Amino acid sequence: MGHNSPINVGVLQRRRRWDGPANLSKALYFKVIRYFSQIALIYNTYKQIRLRWATSPAAGARYARIHVQRSTGDGMSAIPTEFFLFAAVLGMVAFSHVNTMMTALVGALVITVYKLLFSSFGEGPGLAGLAAHAGHEWVGLANLLALLLGFALLARHFEKSEVPAILPHYLPDDWKGPLVLLVLVFIISSFLDNIAAAIIGGAVARSVFRGRVHLGYLAAIVAASNAGGSGSVVGDTTTTMMWLHGIAPGQVLHAYVAAVVALFVCAIPAARQQQAYSPIVRDAPPGVRIDWLRLGIVAFVLLAAIAVNLLLNLHRPELAAAFPFLGAAVWLALLLSGLLRRPDWGELPGALRGAVFLLALVWSASLMPVEALPPASWPMTLGLGFVSAVFDNIPLTALALRQGGFDWGYLAYAVGFGGSMIWFGSSAGVALSGMYPESRSVVQWLRHGWHVVLAYVAGFFVMLALLGWRA
């Protein structure tokens, strides 16, 4: 029977009808099934974590202690369910590298629904509590979204300016070239946002290392950007919070004692890793010319961000929590400069996925019922650095400010640098992972970026030995 027979035509027509709306329905069906399976997996992981916690050898003593604390009214109650749910989400993100954005979104939804139905928000129960909580958080989330997307476009402007291409002419040709680049990222972050510093460092690295950047070096870029802002009240959101709370800039400045030590402890092995993996380009390509207009756009956007940040913090700090002025300033500068050089809008979809992932984690972290921290001490502050690798450091800093009794330089270093130990532990890490998707693995990050953990501990104890705890 020929291919054009009525029977074959009918079959083809039926197939075409099936390939249309039915195929769309099938895709939607499988997507819904996948989302519900992720919710089930989060719940199953939560049950396993809680079961292991409850059946551990110390469980009996722990429950007895909790019972005594409840009866006497002092001490902490049982660990809230929200922490187990959040731990389940973080566990899935850490060890499942497929669609981490959707995992984080589903996890945020599960925790939010749990708070609505079975618990309460810090501002109150039910929808009113959720609305009040969202009202407190939206400015920070909007600023973070605007900066992550805006700096992704800014990084492309910087790459297209050809400045990264000519840098090999000025950088050393051996492993000290990657080392100098990390020092530059550290310096930039001291007066600029750490997201911008990390993205600029990543853009330069992609050019001078021929597009092959070692994962250990990526971890070091994030560490350098976070270390650079740890002792500056304009270099990191947490230090700016301290400044607005009335803590003098000089009270966080000594964080640089630890930060400089940590920089070199991780930068030297990372530079050697990178040089062995893909050596730095020795000379700039012939005929490369700097696009001064694009470079001027980069400077214009960065100056706009710095100016708005300083004006708000120095003159109108009460407005900082009312509107995302910093993100708006970056985007206004980008749109105005777009009249001269069109931004690379194709960068936005990838940057948006990373931004949504981080926003979901930050939102989930903000829902954790953390009402107090243990008494301020250097061991507790050291531990906060490890906690900040998986927990949003902004609410941690807010709790520490409310509680008082800290050496603020230690706290600034711990919550600032600590997030570098895991790729999603800081906004700089998430922003850089948008440029380098291969970095989205906790296991590989820890394996190749081992020097970041070592650097954090080394910097902390060097500062402790030299300065002592000065609360």
Protein backbone atom coordinates (compact mmCIF):
# COMPACT_ATOMS: atom_id res chain seq x y z
CA MET A 1 0.00 0.00 0.00
CA GLY A 2 1.48 3.39 -1.01
CA HIS A 3 2.50 6.13 1.38
CA ASN A 4 -0.27 8.42 0.09
CA SER A 5 -3.12 5.96 0.63
CA PRO A 6 -6.20 7.17 2.58
CA ILE A 7 -5.38 4.84 5.46
CA ASN A 8 -1.89 6.25 5.87
CA VAL A 9 -3.17 9.81 5.57
CA GLY A 10 -5.73 9.13 8.31
CA VAL A 11 -3.06 7.68 10.57
CA LEU A 12 -0.83 10.70 9.98
CA GLN A 13 -3.71 13.06 10.72
CA ARG A 14 -4.49 11.24 13.95
CA ARG A 15 -0.78 11.40 14.88
CA ARG A 16 -0.69 15.11 14.18
CA ARG A 17 -3.73 15.63 16.39
CA TRP A 18 -2.02 13.55 19.13
CA ASP A 19 1.23 15.47 18.72
CA GLY A 20 -0.57 18.74 19.42
CA PRO A 21 -2.72 19.34 22.50
CA ALA A 22 -2.34 15.77 23.74
CA ASN A 23 1.43 16.08 23.76
CA LEU A 24 1.05 19.32 25.70
CA SER A 25 -1.20 17.57 28.21
CA LYS A 26 1.30 14.74 28.55
CA ALA A 27 4.13 17.21 29.21
CA LEU A 28 2.03 19.02 31.82
CA TYR A 29 1.05 15.70 33.41
CA PHE A 30 4.66 14.56 33.74
CA LYS A 31 5.71 17.98 35.06
CA VAL A 32 3.03 17.84 37.78
CA ILE A 33 4.06 14.28 38.66
CA ARG A 34 7.69 15.40 38.92
CA TYR A 35 6.81 18.30 41.23
CA PHE A 36 4.72 16.10 43.52
CA SER A 37 7.50 13.50 43.58
CA GLN A 38 9.90 16.25 44.71
CA ILE A 39 7.51 17.16 47.54
CA ALA A 40 7.29 13.50 48.51
CA LEU A 41 11.08 13.22 48.40
CA ILE A 42 11.46 16.29 50.63
CA TYR A 43 8.97 14.82 53.10
CA ASN A 44 10.71 11.43 53.03
CA THR A 45 14.11 13.06 53.59
CA TYR A 46 12.61 15.07 56.45
CA LYS A 47 11.28 11.88 58.09
CA GLN A 48 14.67 10.16 57.75
CA ILE A 49 16.51 13.13 59.30
CA ARG A 50 14.05 13.34 62.17
CA LEU A 51 14.12 9.56 62.72
CA ARG A 52 17.92 9.51 62.87
CA TRP A 53 17.93 12.46 65.25
CA ALA A 54 15.36 10.78 67.49
CA THR A 55 16.96 7.29 67.51
CA SER A 56 20.57 8.34 68.02
CA PRO A 57 22.35 7.03 71.16
CA ALA A 58 22.04 10.45 72.81
CA ALA A 59 18.32 10.74 72.07
CA GLY A 60 17.19 9.61 75.53
CA ALA A 61 19.34 12.16 77.30
CA ARG A 62 18.32 14.80 74.80
CA TYR A 63 14.60 14.21 75.31
CA ALA A 64 15.10 14.14 79.09
CA ARG A 65 16.92 17.46 78.91
CA ILE A 66 14.16 18.94 76.75
CA HIS A 67 11.53 17.70 79.23
CA VAL A 68 13.35 19.34 82.13
CA GLN A 69 13.78 22.57 80.19
CA ARG A 70 10.09 22.65 79.33
CA SER A 71 9.07 22.00 82.92
CA THR A 72 11.36 24.67 84.33
CA GLY A 73 10.70 27.19 81.59
CA ASP A 74 14.38 27.75 80.73
CA GLY A 75 16.33 26.40 77.76
CA MET A 76 15.37 25.49 74.24
CA SER A 77 12.37 23.35 73.32
CA ALA A 78 12.46 20.50 70.83
CA ILE A 79 13.90 21.33 67.45
CA PRO A 80 11.08 22.82 65.31
CA THR A 81 9.85 20.92 62.27
CA GLU A 82 10.84 23.83 60.00
CA PHE A 83 14.52 23.08 60.61
CA PHE A 84 14.10 19.47 59.51
CA LEU A 85 12.24 20.56 56.37
CA PHE A 86 14.95 23.10 55.56
CA ALA A 87 17.65 20.49 56.18
CA ALA A 88 15.83 18.14 53.79
CA VAL A 89 15.76 20.82 51.08
CA LEU A 90 19.46 21.62 51.57
CA GLY A 91 20.29 17.92 51.46
CA MET A 92 18.48 17.50 48.15
CA VAL A 93 20.19 20.59 46.72
CA ALA A 94 23.58 19.38 47.92
CA PHE A 95 23.40 15.88 46.51
CA SER A 96 20.95 16.19 43.62
CA HIS A 97 22.31 18.40 40.86
CA VAL A 98 19.27 18.07 38.56
CA ASN A 99 16.95 21.10 38.52
CA THR A 100 18.12 22.55 41.81
CA MET A 101 16.04 25.66 41.15
CA MET A 102 12.79 23.66 41.17
CA THR A 103 13.92 21.75 44.27
CA ALA A 104 14.52 25.03 46.10
CA LEU A 105 11.18 26.47 44.93
CA VAL A 106 9.20 23.38 45.95
CA GLY A 107 11.01 23.35 49.29
CA ALA A 108 10.16 27.01 49.90
CA LEU A 109 6.52 26.29 49.06
CA VAL A 110 6.38 23.29 51.42
CA ILE A 111 7.88 25.27 54.32
CA THR A 112 5.57 28.23 53.67
CA VAL A 113 2.46 26.01 53.60
CA TYR A 114 3.60 24.29 56.79
CA LYS A 115 3.98 27.67 58.52
CA LEU A 116 0.52 28.67 57.34
CA LEU A 117 -1.26 25.51 58.45
CA PHE A 118 0.64 24.19 61.45
CA SER A 119 2.89 26.93 62.82
CA SER A 120 3.15 30.71 62.69
CA PHE A 121 5.39 33.39 61.29
CA GLY A 122 7.49 35.68 63.44
CA GLU A 123 4.99 38.45 62.73
CA GLY A 124 1.91 36.33 63.56
CA PRO A 125 -0.13 33.35 62.34
CA GLY A 126 -2.04 32.75 59.11
CA LEU A 127 -2.21 34.86 55.99
CA ALA A 128 -1.80 38.08 57.96
CA GLY A 129 1.50 36.80 59.37
CA LEU A 130 2.64 35.71 55.90
CA ALA A 131 1.77 39.12 54.44
CA ALA A 132 3.63 40.90 57.24
CA HIS A 133 6.67 38.64 56.83
CA ALA A 134 6.70 39.20 53.07
CA GLY A 135 6.47 42.94 53.73
CA HIS A 136 9.63 42.75 55.84
CA GLU A 137 11.55 40.62 53.35
CA TRP A 138 10.56 41.95 49.94
CA VAL A 139 13.08 44.81 49.77
CA GLY A 140 16.04 42.53 50.44
CA LEU A 141 14.78 39.92 47.98
CA ALA A 142 14.10 42.53 45.29
CA ASN A 143 17.53 44.09 45.75
CA LEU A 144 19.17 40.68 45.49
CA LEU A 145 17.24 39.79 42.33
CA ALA A 146 18.04 43.13 40.69
CA LEU A 147 21.75 42.91 41.54
CA LEU A 148 22.15 39.31 40.37
CA LEU A 149 20.51 40.06 37.01
CA GLY A 150 22.04 43.51 36.59
CA PHE A 151 25.58 42.40 37.35
CA ALA A 152 25.21 39.49 34.92
CA LEU A 153 24.62 42.06 32.16
CA LEU A 154 27.42 44.22 33.53
CA ALA A 155 29.85 41.30 33.35
CA ARG A 156 29.12 40.90 29.62
CA HIS A 157 29.78 44.61 29.09
CA PHE A 158 33.10 44.14 30.88
CA GLU A 159 34.03 41.09 28.80
CA LYS A 160 33.13 42.86 25.55
CA SER A 161 35.22 45.88 26.54
CA GLU A 162 38.29 43.64 25.84
CA VAL A 163 39.89 44.61 29.15
CA PRO A 164 40.12 40.93 30.20
CA ALA A 165 41.88 40.15 26.92
CA ILE A 166 44.69 42.65 27.53
CA LEU A 167 45.19 41.83 31.22
CA PRO A 168 47.71 39.00 30.50
CA HIS A 169 50.10 41.73 29.36
CA TYR A 170 50.16 43.06 32.94
CA LEU A 171 49.77 39.85 34.99
CA PRO A 172 52.70 37.52 35.85
CA ASP A 173 53.08 34.54 33.52
CA ASP A 174 53.35 31.82 36.18
CA TRP A 175 51.07 30.81 39.10
CA LYS A 176 51.46 34.29 40.54
CA GLY A 177 49.21 35.59 37.74
CA PRO A 178 46.12 33.78 39.10
CA LEU A 179 47.20 34.86 42.59
CA VAL A 180 47.31 38.56 41.62
CA LEU A 181 43.85 38.25 40.07
CA LEU A 182 42.43 36.95 43.37
CA VAL A 183 44.05 39.84 45.22
CA LEU A 184 42.40 42.26 42.77
CA VAL A 185 39.00 40.65 43.42
CA PHE A 186 39.61 41.09 47.16
CA ILE A 187 40.43 44.79 46.71
CA ILE A 188 37.45 45.46 44.43
CA SER A 189 35.09 43.87 46.94
CA SER A 190 36.27 46.17 49.73
CA PHE A 191 34.44 49.13 48.18
CA LEU A 192 32.03 47.38 45.80
CA ASP A 193 29.36 44.73 46.21
CA ASN A 194 30.80 41.21 46.51
CA ILE A 195 28.46 39.97 43.75
CA ALA A 196 30.00 42.42 41.28
CA ALA A 197 33.53 41.57 42.42
CA ALA A 198 32.93 37.83 41.94
CA ILE A 199 31.35 38.28 38.51
CA ILE A 200 34.14 40.57 37.31
CA GLY A 201 36.70 38.06 38.60
CA GLY A 202 34.88 35.24 36.83
CA ALA A 203 34.75 37.21 33.57
CA VAL A 204 38.48 37.93 33.68
CA ALA A 205 39.27 34.31 34.56
CA ARG A 206 37.27 33.02 31.60
CA SER A 207 39.36 35.17 29.29
CA VAL A 208 42.87 34.76 30.71
CA PHE A 209 42.52 30.99 31.27
CA ARG A 210 41.08 30.24 27.81
CA GLY A 211 37.65 29.40 29.18
CA ARG A 212 38.96 26.56 31.40
CA VAL A 213 38.69 27.58 35.05
CA HIS A 214 39.39 25.04 37.80
CA LEU A 215 36.60 24.55 40.33
CA GLY A 216 39.03 25.17 43.18
CA TYR A 217 39.88 28.52 41.61
CA LEU A 218 36.18 29.41 41.28
CA ALA A 219 35.78 28.71 45.00
CA ALA A 220 38.76 30.99 45.66
CA ILE A 221 37.17 33.80 43.59
CA VAL A 222 34.05 33.59 45.77
CA ALA A 223 36.21 33.47 48.91
CA ALA A 224 38.24 36.51 47.80
CA SER A 225 35.10 38.52 47.06
CA ASN A 226 33.55 37.66 50.44
CA ALA A 227 36.80 38.25 52.33
CA GLY A 228 37.28 41.66 50.72
CA GLY A 229 33.95 42.94 52.00
CA SER A 230 34.17 41.47 55.50
CA GLY A 231 36.00 44.41 57.09
CA SER A 232 34.28 47.21 55.17
CA VAL A 233 30.90 48.66 56.11
CA VAL A 234 30.15 49.22 52.41
CA GLY A 235 31.57 45.92 51.16
CA ASP A 236 28.89 43.51 52.40
CA THR A 237 25.23 43.62 53.39
CA THR A 238 25.97 42.23 56.86
CA THR A 239 28.61 44.84 57.68
CA THR A 240 26.30 47.57 56.39
CA MET A 241 23.64 46.24 58.79
CA MET A 242 26.13 46.58 61.65
CA TRP A 243 26.93 50.14 60.61
CA LEU A 244 23.23 51.08 60.49
CA HIS A 245 22.82 49.56 63.95
CA GLY A 246 25.30 52.08 65.35
CA ILE A 247 28.50 50.03 65.24
CA ALA A 248 31.41 52.22 64.15
CA PRO A 249 33.34 51.20 61.00
CA GLY A 250 36.48 50.82 63.12
CA GLN A 251 34.80 48.07 65.15
CA VAL A 252 34.63 45.75 62.13
CA LEU A 253 37.86 46.85 60.45
CA HIS A 254 40.01 44.28 62.26
CA ALA A 255 38.11 41.55 60.39
CA TYR A 256 40.73 42.20 57.70
CA VAL A 257 43.36 40.57 59.93
CA ALA A 258 41.57 37.25 59.46
CA ALA A 259 40.44 38.03 55.91
CA VAL A 260 43.96 38.71 54.58
CA VAL A 261 45.28 35.52 56.17
CA ALA A 262 42.35 33.55 54.74
CA LEU A 263 42.88 35.11 51.31
CA PHE A 264 46.45 33.87 50.99
CA VAL A 265 45.79 30.49 52.63
CA CYS A 266 43.26 29.68 49.91
CA ALA A 267 44.63 31.83 47.07
CA ILE A 268 48.08 30.24 46.84
CA PRO A 269 46.91 26.61 46.44
CA ALA A 270 44.04 27.76 44.20
CA ALA A 271 46.44 29.68 41.95
CA ARG A 272 48.65 26.60 41.65
CA GLN A 273 45.58 24.45 40.90
CA GLN A 274 44.59 26.81 38.11
CA GLN A 275 48.06 27.13 36.61
CA ALA A 276 48.38 23.33 36.46
CA TYR A 277 44.88 22.96 34.99
CA SER A 278 44.99 25.74 32.38
CA PRO A 279 47.95 28.17 32.49
CA ILE A 280 47.36 31.87 32.21
CA VAL A 281 47.63 33.37 28.73
CA ARG A 282 51.11 34.83 28.44
CA ASP A 283 50.40 37.74 26.10
CA ALA A 284 47.40 39.68 24.91
CA PRO A 285 46.16 38.72 21.41
CA PRO A 286 47.51 41.05 18.72
CA GLY A 287 45.24 43.79 17.51
CA VAL A 288 42.99 43.88 20.58
CA ARG A 289 41.55 47.33 21.22
CA ILE A 290 39.69 48.41 24.34
CA ASP A 291 36.09 49.49 23.85
CA TRP A 292 36.32 52.54 26.06
CA LEU A 293 32.61 53.26 25.79
CA ARG A 294 31.71 49.85 27.23
CA LEU A 295 34.32 50.29 29.94
CA GLY A 296 32.79 53.68 30.72
CA ILE A 297 29.37 52.01 31.02
CA VAL A 298 30.81 49.54 33.54
CA ALA A 299 32.29 52.40 35.56
CA PHE A 300 29.04 54.39 35.34
CA VAL A 301 26.91 51.50 36.66
CA LEU A 302 29.35 50.72 39.47
CA LEU A 303 29.59 54.38 40.50
CA ALA A 304 25.80 54.62 40.54
CA ALA A 305 25.63 51.60 42.87
CA ILE A 306 28.33 53.00 45.18
CA ALA A 307 26.76 56.48 45.25
CA VAL A 308 23.28 55.21 46.12
CA ASN A 309 24.68 52.85 48.76
CA LEU A 310 26.65 55.65 50.45
CA LEU A 311 23.84 58.22 50.22
CA LEU A 312 21.32 55.87 51.78
CA ASN A 313 23.60 54.67 54.56
CA LEU A 314 24.99 58.09 55.46
CA HIS A 315 21.98 60.38 55.03
CA ARG A 316 18.69 58.43 54.79
CA PRO A 317 19.20 54.99 56.37
CA GLU A 318 15.50 54.73 57.23
CA LEU A 319 14.69 54.55 53.50
CA ALA A 320 16.91 51.51 52.90
CA ALA A 321 14.20 49.15 54.19
CA ALA A 322 11.39 50.87 52.27
CA PHE A 323 12.42 50.32 48.64
CA PRO A 324 15.16 48.41 46.72
CA PHE A 325 17.04 51.59 45.80
CA LEU A 326 20.36 49.85 45.16
CA GLY A 327 18.94 47.40 42.62
CA ALA A 328 16.86 50.15 41.02
CA ALA A 329 19.95 52.37 40.64
CA VAL A 330 21.88 49.58 38.90
CA TRP A 331 19.04 48.91 36.46
CA LEU A 332 18.39 52.59 35.77
CA ALA A 333 22.07 53.04 34.92
CA LEU A 334 22.02 49.93 32.70
CA LEU A 335 18.92 51.08 30.81
CA LEU A 336 20.25 54.61 30.31
CA SER A 337 23.61 53.32 29.08
CA GLY A 338 21.75 50.88 26.82
CA LEU A 339 21.13 53.83 24.51
CA LEU A 340 24.87 53.76 23.75
CA ARG A 341 25.65 50.04 23.91
CA ARG A 342 22.91 47.40 23.92
CA PRO A 343 23.20 44.97 26.86
CA ASP A 344 23.46 41.26 26.08
CA TRP A 345 19.90 40.34 27.04
CA GLY A 346 20.62 36.70 26.23
CA GLU A 347 22.44 36.45 29.57
CA LEU A 348 19.25 36.98 31.56
CA PRO A 349 17.60 33.51 31.32
CA GLY A 350 20.59 31.72 32.85
CA ALA A 351 21.11 34.44 35.45
CA LEU A 352 17.41 34.33 36.32
CA ARG A 353 17.54 30.61 37.15
CA GLY A 354 20.41 31.16 39.57
CA ALA A 355 18.69 34.19 41.08
CA VAL A 356 15.39 32.36 41.63
CA PHE A 357 17.27 29.47 43.24
CA LEU A 358 19.01 31.77 45.71
CA LEU A 359 15.85 33.76 46.45
CA ALA A 360 14.00 30.52 47.26
CA LEU A 361 16.73 29.51 49.71
CA VAL A 362 16.87 32.97 51.29
CA TRP A 363 13.08 32.98 51.68
CA SER A 364 13.14 29.51 53.27
CA ALA A 365 15.92 30.58 55.64
CA SER A 366 13.92 33.65 56.67
CA LEU A 367 11.08 31.34 57.78
CA MET A 368 13.21 29.49 60.32
CA PRO A 369 12.03 30.14 63.90
CA VAL A 370 15.36 31.35 65.23
CA GLU A 371 14.50 33.53 68.22
CA ALA A 372 17.90 33.64 69.92
CA LEU A 373 21.53 32.62 69.60
CA PRO A 374 23.72 31.01 72.26
CA PRO A 375 25.70 33.47 74.43
CA ALA A 376 28.29 35.41 72.43
CA SER A 377 31.75 33.85 72.51
CA TRP A 378 34.51 33.13 70.05
CA PRO A 379 33.65 29.37 69.73
CA MET A 380 30.03 30.24 68.98
CA THR A 381 31.09 32.88 66.44
CA LEU A 382 33.40 30.36 64.77
CA GLY A 383 30.44 28.00 64.48
CA LEU A 384 28.28 30.74 62.95
CA GLY A 385 30.65 30.80 59.98
CA PHE A 386 29.88 27.16 59.23
CA VAL A 387 26.16 27.77 59.75
CA SER A 388 26.23 30.71 57.32
CA ALA A 389 27.44 28.36 54.57
CA VAL A 390 23.91 26.94 54.39
CA PHE A 391 21.82 29.47 56.33
CA ASP A 392 21.09 33.05 55.24
CA ASN A 393 23.58 35.25 57.09
CA ILE A 394 21.27 38.29 57.16
CA PRO A 395 18.85 36.95 59.83
CA LEU A 396 21.85 35.54 61.71
CA THR A 397 23.42 39.00 61.76
CA ALA A 398 20.13 40.59 62.82
CA LEU A 399 19.86 38.18 65.76
CA ALA A 400 23.46 38.87 66.78
CA LEU A 401 22.86 42.63 66.69
CA ARG A 402 19.74 42.25 68.81
CA GLN A 403 21.55 40.06 71.32
CA GLY A 404 24.81 42.05 71.55
CA GLY A 405 28.01 41.06 73.32
CA PHE A 406 29.97 40.18 70.17
CA ASP A 407 33.35 41.21 68.90
CA TRP A 408 31.94 42.64 65.69
CA GLY A 409 35.08 42.08 63.64
CA TYR A 410 34.90 38.35 64.36
CA LEU A 411 31.21 38.25 63.52
CA ALA A 412 31.73 40.18 60.27
CA TYR A 413 34.47 37.77 59.20
CA ALA A 414 32.51 34.65 60.21
CA VAL A 415 29.20 35.44 58.51
CA GLY A 416 30.94 37.06 55.53
CA PHE A 417 33.65 34.55 54.67
CA GLY A 418 31.82 31.47 56.00
CA GLY A 419 29.39 31.39 53.09
CA SER A 420 32.27 30.71 50.69
CA MET A 421 32.58 27.12 51.92
CA ILE A 422 29.60 25.95 49.80
CA TRP A 423 28.66 27.27 46.37
CA PHE A 424 25.16 28.40 47.40
CA GLY A 425 26.33 29.75 50.76
CA SER A 426 26.63 33.32 49.48
CA SER A 427 25.09 35.45 46.77
CA ALA A 428 28.54 35.79 45.17
CA GLY A 429 28.76 32.00 44.82
CA VAL A 430 25.32 31.71 43.26
CA ALA A 431 26.07 34.58 40.87
CA LEU A 432 29.33 32.95 39.76
CA SER A 433 27.60 29.58 39.31
CA GLY A 434 25.43 31.26 36.68
CA MET A 435 28.59 31.79 34.63
CA TYR A 436 30.04 28.37 35.52
CA PRO A 437 27.22 25.79 35.94
CA GLU A 438 29.78 23.05 36.65
CA SER A 439 30.32 24.63 40.07
CA ARG A 440 26.83 23.59 41.26
CA SER A 441 27.99 20.55 43.20
CA VAL A 442 28.56 20.64 46.94
CA VAL A 443 30.73 17.52 46.87
CA GLN A 444 32.98 18.79 44.08
CA TRP A 445 33.11 22.28 45.60
CA LEU A 446 34.34 20.86 48.91
CA ARG A 447 36.68 18.43 47.17
CA HIS A 448 38.43 20.99 44.98
CA GLY A 449 37.87 24.03 47.20
CA TRP A 450 39.15 22.37 50.40
CA HIS A 451 41.48 25.31 50.92
CA VAL A 452 38.51 27.64 51.56
CA VAL A 453 37.48 25.70 54.69
CA LEU A 454 41.11 25.60 55.83
CA ALA A 455 41.44 29.34 55.14
CA TYR A 456 38.36 30.18 57.20
CA VAL A 457 39.64 28.33 60.26
CA ALA A 458 43.22 29.60 59.84
CA GLY A 459 42.14 33.23 59.50
CA PHE A 460 39.89 33.01 62.54
CA PHE A 461 42.54 31.55 64.83
CA VAL A 462 45.29 33.91 63.64
CA MET A 463 43.05 36.86 64.50
CA LEU A 464 42.23 35.26 67.85
CA ALA A 465 45.93 34.73 68.63
CA LEU A 466 46.93 38.27 67.63
CA LEU A 467 44.00 40.31 68.94
CA GLY A 468 42.07 38.13 71.35
CA TRP A 469 38.30 38.32 71.83
CA ARG A 470 37.41 41.98 72.40
CA ALA A 471 33.67 41.98 73.11
